[in-house]
Protein backbone atom coordinates (compact mmCIF):
# COMPACT_ATOMS: atom_id res chain seq x y z
CA MET A 1 65.62 30.57 91.99
CA THR A 2 63.92 28.07 89.69
CA GLU A 3 64.40 27.83 86.05
CA SER A 4 60.85 28.89 85.48
CA LEU A 5 61.07 31.99 87.70
CA LEU A 6 64.34 32.99 85.80
CA LEU A 7 62.55 32.49 82.52
CA ASP A 8 59.72 34.55 83.66
CA ILE A 9 61.82 37.33 84.79
CA LEU A 10 63.65 37.38 81.42
CA LEU A 11 60.36 37.28 79.52
CA ILE A 12 59.00 40.26 81.60
CA LEU A 13 62.09 42.33 81.00
CA MET A 14 61.66 41.57 77.41
CA LEU A 15 58.18 42.70 77.27
CA VAL A 16 58.92 45.93 79.15
CA GLY A 17 61.59 46.59 76.62
CA TYR A 18 59.37 46.13 73.75
CA LEU A 19 56.76 48.38 75.28
CA VAL A 20 59.20 51.07 75.57
CA TYR A 21 60.49 50.36 72.26
CA GLY A 22 56.94 50.61 70.72
CA PHE A 23 56.05 53.80 72.67
CA ARG A 24 59.24 55.57 71.48
CA ASN A 25 58.92 54.69 67.68
CA GLY A 26 55.02 54.77 67.61
CA LEU A 27 53.05 52.35 65.59
CA SER A 28 54.04 53.98 62.37
CA GLY A 29 57.66 53.05 63.04
CA SER A 30 57.12 49.85 65.07
CA ILE A 31 54.93 48.18 62.45
CA PHE A 32 57.84 47.83 60.08
CA ALA A 33 59.97 46.05 62.81
CA ILE A 34 56.91 43.85 63.71
CA ALA A 35 56.62 42.98 60.04
CA GLY A 36 60.46 42.13 60.03
CA ILE A 37 60.14 39.89 63.08
CA ILE A 38 57.24 38.11 61.47
CA ALA A 39 59.18 37.53 58.23
CA GLY A 40 62.22 36.28 60.24
CA ILE A 41 59.97 33.85 62.04
CA ILE A 42 58.54 32.56 58.89
CA ALA A 43 62.00 32.27 57.34
CA ALA A 44 63.28 30.53 60.66
CA PHE A 45 60.23 28.06 60.60
CA PHE A 46 61.12 26.81 57.05
CA LEU A 47 64.87 27.36 56.61
CA ALA A 48 66.56 26.84 59.99
CA PRO A 49 65.82 23.16 60.16
CA LEU A 50 66.81 22.72 56.45
CA ILE A 51 70.13 24.64 56.99
CA ALA A 52 70.88 22.45 60.14
CA ASN A 53 70.26 19.30 58.12
CA LEU A 54 73.31 20.30 56.00
CA VAL A 55 75.60 19.90 58.96
CA PRO A 56 77.37 16.78 58.80
CA ILE A 57 77.65 16.37 62.38
CA PRO A 58 74.27 15.19 63.87
CA PHE A 59 74.56 16.12 67.35
CA ALA A 60 75.42 19.78 66.38
CA ARG A 61 72.23 20.20 64.44
CA LEU A 62 70.29 21.28 67.55
CA GLY A 63 72.58 24.20 68.37
CA ILE A 64 72.72 25.15 64.82
CA THR A 65 68.97 25.19 64.46
CA VAL A 66 68.56 27.57 67.51
CA ILE A 67 71.46 29.85 66.31
CA VAL A 68 69.99 30.15 62.69
CA ALA A 69 66.44 30.63 63.97
CA PHE A 70 67.43 33.56 66.29
CA GLY A 71 69.66 34.88 63.47
CA PHE A 72 66.64 35.02 60.99
CA VAL A 73 64.48 36.85 63.50
CA ALA A 74 67.27 39.45 64.40
CA ILE A 75 67.94 40.23 60.76
CA GLY A 76 64.11 40.58 60.09
CA HIS A 77 63.98 43.04 63.10
CA ALA A 78 66.88 45.04 62.23
CA LEU A 79 65.76 45.46 58.59
CA GLY A 80 62.12 46.40 59.62
CA SER A 81 63.45 48.85 62.26
CA ALA A 82 65.73 50.68 59.60
CA ILE A 83 62.61 51.10 57.34
CA GLY A 84 60.54 52.16 60.20
CA ARG A 85 63.01 54.97 61.25
CA PHE A 86 62.53 56.81 57.90
CA VAL A 87 58.69 56.46 58.00
CA ARG A 88 58.07 57.73 61.52
CA ARG A 89 60.19 60.95 61.26
CA GLY A 90 57.47 63.17 60.02
CA PHE A 91 54.40 61.26 61.64
CA LEU A 92 55.50 61.56 65.29
CA ARG A 93 55.45 65.60 64.79
CA SER A 94 51.87 65.43 63.70
CA PRO A 95 48.76 65.86 66.25
CA LEU A 96 48.34 62.20 66.17
CA GLY A 97 51.85 61.41 67.45
CA GLY A 98 50.70 60.76 70.98
CA LEU A 99 48.06 58.06 69.76
CA ASP A 100 50.65 56.64 67.51
CA ARG A 101 52.98 56.26 70.46
CA VAL A 102 50.33 54.47 72.61
CA LEU A 103 49.29 52.15 69.80
CA GLY A 104 52.84 51.37 69.16
CA ALA A 105 53.45 50.28 72.65
CA LEU A 106 50.27 48.19 72.69
CA VAL A 107 50.72 46.48 69.42
CA THR A 108 54.38 45.79 69.94
CA GLY A 109 53.87 44.28 73.29
CA ILE A 110 51.14 41.81 72.05
CA VAL A 111 53.34 40.91 69.25
CA ALA A 112 56.46 40.34 71.41
CA ALA A 113 54.41 38.27 73.93
CA LEU A 114 53.04 36.01 70.89
CA VAL A 115 56.52 35.72 69.55
CA ALA A 116 57.92 34.62 72.93
CA SER A 117 55.22 32.05 73.08
CA MET A 118 55.91 30.69 69.52
CA ILE A 119 59.62 30.45 70.10
CA ALA A 120 59.07 28.77 73.53
CA PHE A 121 56.74 26.24 72.00
CA SER A 122 59.33 25.45 69.25
CA VAL A 123 62.17 25.20 71.79
CA ALA A 124 59.97 22.96 74.08
CA GLN A 125 59.48 20.41 71.26
CA LEU A 126 63.24 19.94 70.88
CA GLY A 127 62.85 17.75 73.98
CA VAL A 128 65.85 19.02 76.00
CA PRO A 129 64.57 18.24 79.60
CA LEU A 130 65.93 21.45 81.48
CA LEU A 131 64.35 23.91 78.69
CA SER A 132 61.01 21.91 78.69
CA LYS A 133 60.84 22.15 82.50
CA ALA A 134 61.50 25.78 82.43
CA ILE A 135 58.83 26.56 79.71
CA SER A 136 56.26 24.30 81.26
CA GLY A 137 56.44 26.01 84.44
CA SER A 138 56.53 29.57 83.28
CA THR A 139 53.71 31.62 84.42
CA PHE A 140 54.17 34.29 81.84
CA LEU A 141 53.87 31.76 79.02
CA ARG A 142 50.86 29.99 80.75
CA ILE A 143 48.96 33.39 80.66
CA VAL A 144 49.83 34.12 77.08
CA ASN A 145 48.94 30.58 75.97
CA SER A 146 45.53 30.77 77.87
CA LEU A 147 44.74 33.78 75.70
CA THR A 148 45.82 32.18 72.53
CA PRO A 149 43.07 30.30 70.75
CA ASP A 150 43.71 26.54 70.42
CA PRO A 151 43.22 26.74 66.63
CA VAL A 152 46.18 29.21 66.38
CA GLU A 153 48.31 26.92 68.42
CA ALA A 154 47.35 23.98 66.45
CA PHE A 155 48.09 25.72 63.29
CA LEU A 156 51.52 26.94 64.49
CA ALA A 157 52.32 23.08 65.33
CA GLN A 158 51.16 21.89 61.95
CA VAL A 159 53.33 24.48 60.28
CA ARG A 160 56.24 23.50 62.43
CA ALA A 161 55.67 19.80 61.58
CA THR A 162 56.22 20.55 57.90
CA VAL A 163 59.83 21.23 58.43
CA VAL A 164 60.73 19.23 61.71
CA ASP A 165 60.48 15.36 61.56
CA LYS A 166 57.52 14.11 63.67
CA GLY A 167 56.55 11.30 61.29
CA ILE A 168 53.88 8.72 62.06
CA PRO A 169 54.38 5.23 60.15
CA LEU A 170 52.41 4.96 57.02
CA PHE A 171 50.65 1.61 56.51
CA THR A 172 48.88 0.31 53.56
CA GLY A 173 45.74 -1.53 54.02
CA THR A 174 42.83 -2.69 51.93
CA LEU A 175 40.41 0.30 52.07
CA THR A 176 40.40 2.39 48.79
CA SER A 177 37.91 4.98 49.70
CA PRO A 178 37.81 7.34 52.77
CA PRO A 179 35.49 5.88 55.31
CA VAL A 180 32.90 8.24 57.16
CA ILE A 181 34.22 9.30 60.60
CA PRO A 182 31.35 9.11 63.29
CA GLN A 183 29.84 11.97 65.10
CA ILE A 184 30.54 11.41 68.82
CA ASP A 185 30.80 13.77 71.82
CA THR A 186 34.52 13.92 72.19
CA GLY A 187 34.20 16.34 75.08
CA SER A 188 32.05 14.09 77.39
CA GLY A 189 32.80 13.85 81.11
CA ALA A 190 34.24 10.27 80.76
CA LEU A 191 36.70 11.35 77.85
CA ASN A 192 37.60 14.65 79.57
CA ALA A 193 38.43 12.51 82.66
CA ALA A 194 40.65 10.16 80.57
CA ALA A 195 42.55 13.12 78.94
CA GLN A 196 44.13 13.87 82.37
CA SER A 197 46.11 10.87 81.87
CA VAL A 198 47.10 11.39 78.23
CA VAL A 199 50.54 12.94 77.91
CA ARG A 200 52.85 14.58 75.42
CA ILE A 201 56.21 13.08 74.88
CA THR A 202 59.22 15.00 73.39
CA GLY A 203 62.79 14.05 72.99
CA ASN A 204 65.94 14.51 71.09
CA ALA A 205 67.60 11.72 69.25
CA TYR A 206 71.09 13.40 69.24
CA ALA A 207 72.63 10.63 67.10
CA CYS A 208 70.35 11.51 64.22
CA GLY A 209 70.15 15.33 65.16
CA VAL A 210 66.29 15.25 65.17
CA SER A 211 63.66 15.96 67.67
CA GLN A 212 60.60 13.66 68.03
CA SER A 213 57.20 14.05 69.43
CA GLY A 214 54.28 11.77 70.23
CA SER A 215 51.67 10.92 72.81
CA GLY A 216 51.32 8.42 75.58
CA PHE A 217 49.05 7.39 78.48
CA VAL A 218 49.42 6.44 82.11
CA VAL A 219 48.92 2.63 82.82
CA TYR A 220 50.36 2.26 86.44
CA ASP A 221 51.89 4.74 88.96
CA ASP A 222 54.61 6.58 87.36
CA ARG A 223 54.39 4.36 83.96
CA VAL A 224 53.56 5.54 80.72
CA VAL A 225 52.96 3.62 77.47
CA THR A 226 53.84 4.95 74.06
CA ASN A 227 55.07 3.68 70.65
CA ALA A 228 58.65 2.63 70.36
CA HIS A 229 59.07 4.83 67.29
CA VAL A 230 58.27 7.87 69.61
CA VAL A 231 61.41 7.33 71.81
CA ALA A 232 63.74 5.58 69.41
CA GLY A 233 67.26 6.86 70.10
CA VAL A 234 66.07 9.21 72.82
CA THR A 235 67.87 8.76 76.26
CA GLU A 236 65.77 11.12 78.29
CA PRO A 237 62.18 11.66 76.95
CA VAL A 238 60.17 14.60 78.35
CA ILE A 239 56.87 13.95 79.63
CA GLU A 240 54.20 16.82 79.64
CA THR A 241 50.80 16.46 81.50
CA PRO A 242 47.62 18.41 81.15
CA GLY A 243 48.04 19.49 84.73
CA GLY A 244 51.36 21.44 83.70
CA GLN A 245 53.98 18.81 84.77
CA SER A 246 57.11 18.43 82.73
CA ILE A 247 59.40 15.54 83.94
CA ALA A 248 62.31 13.78 82.33
CA GLY A 249 61.67 9.98 82.22
CA THR A 250 63.76 6.90 81.35
CA VAL A 251 62.76 4.03 78.98
CA VAL A 252 62.29 0.73 80.80
CA TYR A 253 60.79 -1.26 77.96
CA PHE A 254 61.47 -1.06 74.33
CA ASP A 255 60.10 -3.43 71.67
CA PRO A 256 60.84 -2.26 68.21
CA ILE A 257 59.21 -5.16 66.48
CA ASP A 258 55.72 -4.47 68.04
CA ASP A 259 56.39 -0.72 68.41
CA LEU A 260 55.61 -0.45 72.00
CA ALA A 261 57.59 1.21 74.77
CA VAL A 262 57.22 1.93 78.59
CA ILE A 263 58.54 5.11 80.33
CA ALA A 264 59.28 5.43 83.94
CA VAL A 265 58.31 8.91 85.06
CA PRO A 266 59.16 9.63 88.89
CA GLY A 267 56.56 11.93 90.46
CA LEU A 268 54.12 11.79 87.63
CA ASP A 269 50.78 13.17 89.15
CA ALA A 270 48.26 11.56 86.78
CA PRO A 271 46.05 8.48 87.47
CA ALA A 272 46.26 5.19 85.49
CA LEU A 273 43.57 4.65 82.92
CA PRO A 274 41.30 1.70 83.16
CA LEU A 275 41.98 -1.06 80.53
CA GLY A 276 39.28 -2.66 78.57
CA ALA A 277 38.81 -5.57 76.09
CA THR A 278 39.48 -5.56 72.45
CA GLN A 279 36.30 -4.19 70.72
CA PRO A 280 34.48 -5.55 67.68
CA PRO A 281 33.97 -3.90 64.32
CA SER A 282 31.41 -1.17 63.98
CA THR A 283 32.24 0.14 67.58
CA ASP A 284 32.53 3.87 67.95
CA ALA A 285 35.54 5.05 69.90
CA ALA A 286 37.79 8.03 70.56
CA PHE A 287 41.52 8.69 70.18
CA GLU A 288 43.38 11.38 72.31
CA GLY A 289 46.73 12.86 71.84
CA TYR A 290 48.79 15.77 70.58
CA PRO A 291 48.73 15.98 66.88
CA TYR A 292 51.96 17.73 65.50
CA GLY A 293 53.36 18.12 68.88
CA GLY A 294 50.68 20.85 69.46
CA PRO A 295 47.80 21.15 71.83
CA PHE A 296 45.70 18.27 73.13
CA GLN A 297 42.91 17.16 70.85
CA SER A 298 40.44 14.27 71.12
CA GLY A 299 39.09 12.66 67.95
CA ALA A 300 36.24 10.41 66.89
CA ALA A 301 36.88 6.83 65.44
CA ASN A 302 34.93 3.91 64.26
CA ILE A 303 36.37 0.36 64.33
CA ILE A 304 36.16 -0.85 60.77
CA SER A 305 37.99 -4.18 61.34
CA VAL A 306 40.20 -6.18 63.61
CA THR A 307 42.88 -8.18 61.64
CA SER A 308 46.36 -9.73 61.99
CA PRO A 309 48.41 -8.35 59.10
CA ALA A 310 52.13 -8.56 58.82
CA VAL A 311 53.45 -5.17 59.97
CA PRO A 312 56.95 -3.83 59.54
CA ASP A 313 58.97 -3.14 62.52
CA ILE A 314 59.99 0.42 63.36
CA TYR A 315 63.07 0.31 61.33
CA ASP A 316 61.30 -1.32 58.25
CA GLN A 317 63.74 -4.37 58.38
CA SER A 318 61.38 -7.18 59.13
CA ARG A 319 57.72 -8.06 59.47
CA SER A 320 55.66 -9.87 61.97
CA GLN A 321 51.90 -10.44 62.62
CA ARG A 322 50.28 -7.89 64.81
CA GLU A 323 46.70 -7.59 65.73
CA VAL A 324 45.46 -4.24 64.68
CA TYR A 325 42.37 -2.15 64.42
CA THR A 326 41.62 -0.38 61.18
CA LEU A 327 39.81 2.79 62.17
CA ALA A 328 37.93 5.39 60.50
CA ALA A 329 39.78 8.44 62.16
CA ASN A 330 41.55 11.48 61.10
CA ILE A 331 45.06 10.72 62.71
CA HIS A 332 48.07 12.98 62.32
CA GLU A 333 51.70 12.97 63.16
CA GLY A 334 52.04 13.34 67.01
CA ASN A 335 49.01 11.01 67.76
CA SER A 336 51.47 8.03 67.68
CA GLY A 337 51.26 6.20 71.11
CA GLY A 338 47.99 7.81 72.15
CA PRO A 339 45.18 5.64 73.51
CA LEU A 340 42.19 4.32 71.63
CA LEU A 341 39.30 4.68 74.05
CA THR A 342 35.84 3.47 74.50
CA LEU A 343 33.33 6.21 75.02
CA ASP A 344 33.43 5.49 78.74
CA GLY A 345 37.22 6.26 79.00
CA SER A 346 38.83 2.73 78.91
CA VAL A 347 41.82 1.98 77.01
CA VAL A 348 41.24 -0.63 74.29
CA GLY A 349 44.27 0.03 72.02
CA VAL A 350 47.20 2.26 71.14
CA VAL A 351 47.44 4.37 67.96
CA PHE A 352 50.62 3.79 65.87
CA ALA A 353 50.02 4.43 62.14
CA ARG A 354 47.84 6.14 59.49
CA SER A 355 47.17 5.04 56.08
CA GLY A 356 49.67 6.07 53.35
CA ASP A 357 47.06 6.07 50.35
CA THR A 358 43.50 6.54 52.05
CA ALA A 359 42.33 9.63 53.88
CA ASN A 360 40.50 9.18 57.26
CA VAL A 361 42.10 5.72 57.96
CA GLY A 362 44.21 5.02 61.02
CA TYR A 363 45.64 1.90 62.76
CA ALA A 364 45.88 1.07 66.32
CA MET A 365 47.03 -2.13 68.21
CA THR A 366 44.38 -4.09 70.02
CA MET A 367 44.80 -5.33 73.70
CA ALA A 368 46.25 -8.66 72.41
CA GLU A 369 49.36 -6.56 71.66
CA LEU A 370 49.02 -3.87 74.49
CA GLU A 371 47.97 -6.20 77.52
CA PRO A 372 51.09 -8.19 77.81
CA VAL A 373 53.12 -5.11 78.30
CA THR A 374 50.76 -3.42 80.64
CA ASN A 375 50.72 -6.35 82.99
CA GLN A 376 54.27 -6.13 83.59
CA ALA A 377 54.64 -2.34 83.68
CA ALA A 378 54.72 -2.05 87.52
CA GLY A 379 57.78 -4.27 87.70
CA LEU A 380 59.67 -2.39 85.08
CA THR A 381 62.35 -0.42 86.72
CA GLU A 382 65.66 -0.84 85.07
CA THR A 383 66.66 1.54 82.34
CA VAL A 384 66.95 -0.18 78.88
CA SER A 385 68.25 0.98 75.50
CA SER A 386 65.96 2.88 73.36
CA GLY A 387 67.62 1.51 70.31
CA SER A 388 68.73 3.47 67.28
CA CYS A 389 67.14 6.56 66.09
CA ILE A 390 65.07 6.60 62.99
CA SER A 391 66.63 8.69 60.43
CA GLU A 392 64.88 9.70 57.12
């Protein structure tokens, strides 16, 4: 029995249990339990990571986060159920009792499925290979997610990012006013085809007790390029493809100075993206990735300038010149390591930072920085150190 099948069985049993619970208690009684669960989830989202950060042993924070999160949900459910028991006593004896039971089963079942999806999403972002693989292959969760609008998933990812570190480097440039982002067709055939080779990367830096998330893209068979800060301190990054694969990879190239890394991903079923040349200013482009660790998004960009400023390394200990694009683009946490693409789908850079003081400004490395790494990607086979994690 696979991990995904076992998870599906457990989730179906959970759903059946909540359907029975909702029918027995009716909507009038279940609604308070549902409200309690939602309150528990909200508390878990915001408080569990904060409580875990108080634990002095970094590698224990992952377990503490999970335990505290489930504790908040359980407490919310218990309190809501207790209130619901008082409310439903008289209601179920009324002529509307049958309808109340049916509505209770329906609403409770829907909420239970959504809660399972939310918890699974949060657990997957922890970057634990076994859990991520089981969640990625779950048919139950795939169906629930297909019925959940992308804006809802994106909102949940953004909320979670407020309390879980998914930081993107902040870089201060010369722009003082927000530029205008161009209007382009980010859903074109060429960009949709490129999206099949843009992956989500998650991992756990146990030494710092933090989970990390970013984007990456395929440059050769079983080879993915991303930023070094996405995998810093991570020994087994998890690669998730739009096609549903979830594979643990190994870091085979790590450059903390130029913020580039290559991950070997055996069995990756995604084609390499074509590589283009560095583009001049005023060129429209697109960037693709997984903002906040949530669902895939493609965004519009315009190249404002190409310069070679002194850029800090990922640990902010030294500076070196790096050729970068300044972009008019709405880049967020989680976009790190994603490709900058021409409108025909060729890679011309890699996103690595956003402006710390001006809205709608992002930064990407040009091919002058990326090409020397992609040229050697095919021959990179030995696992290398992913450096130290980046603690705040």
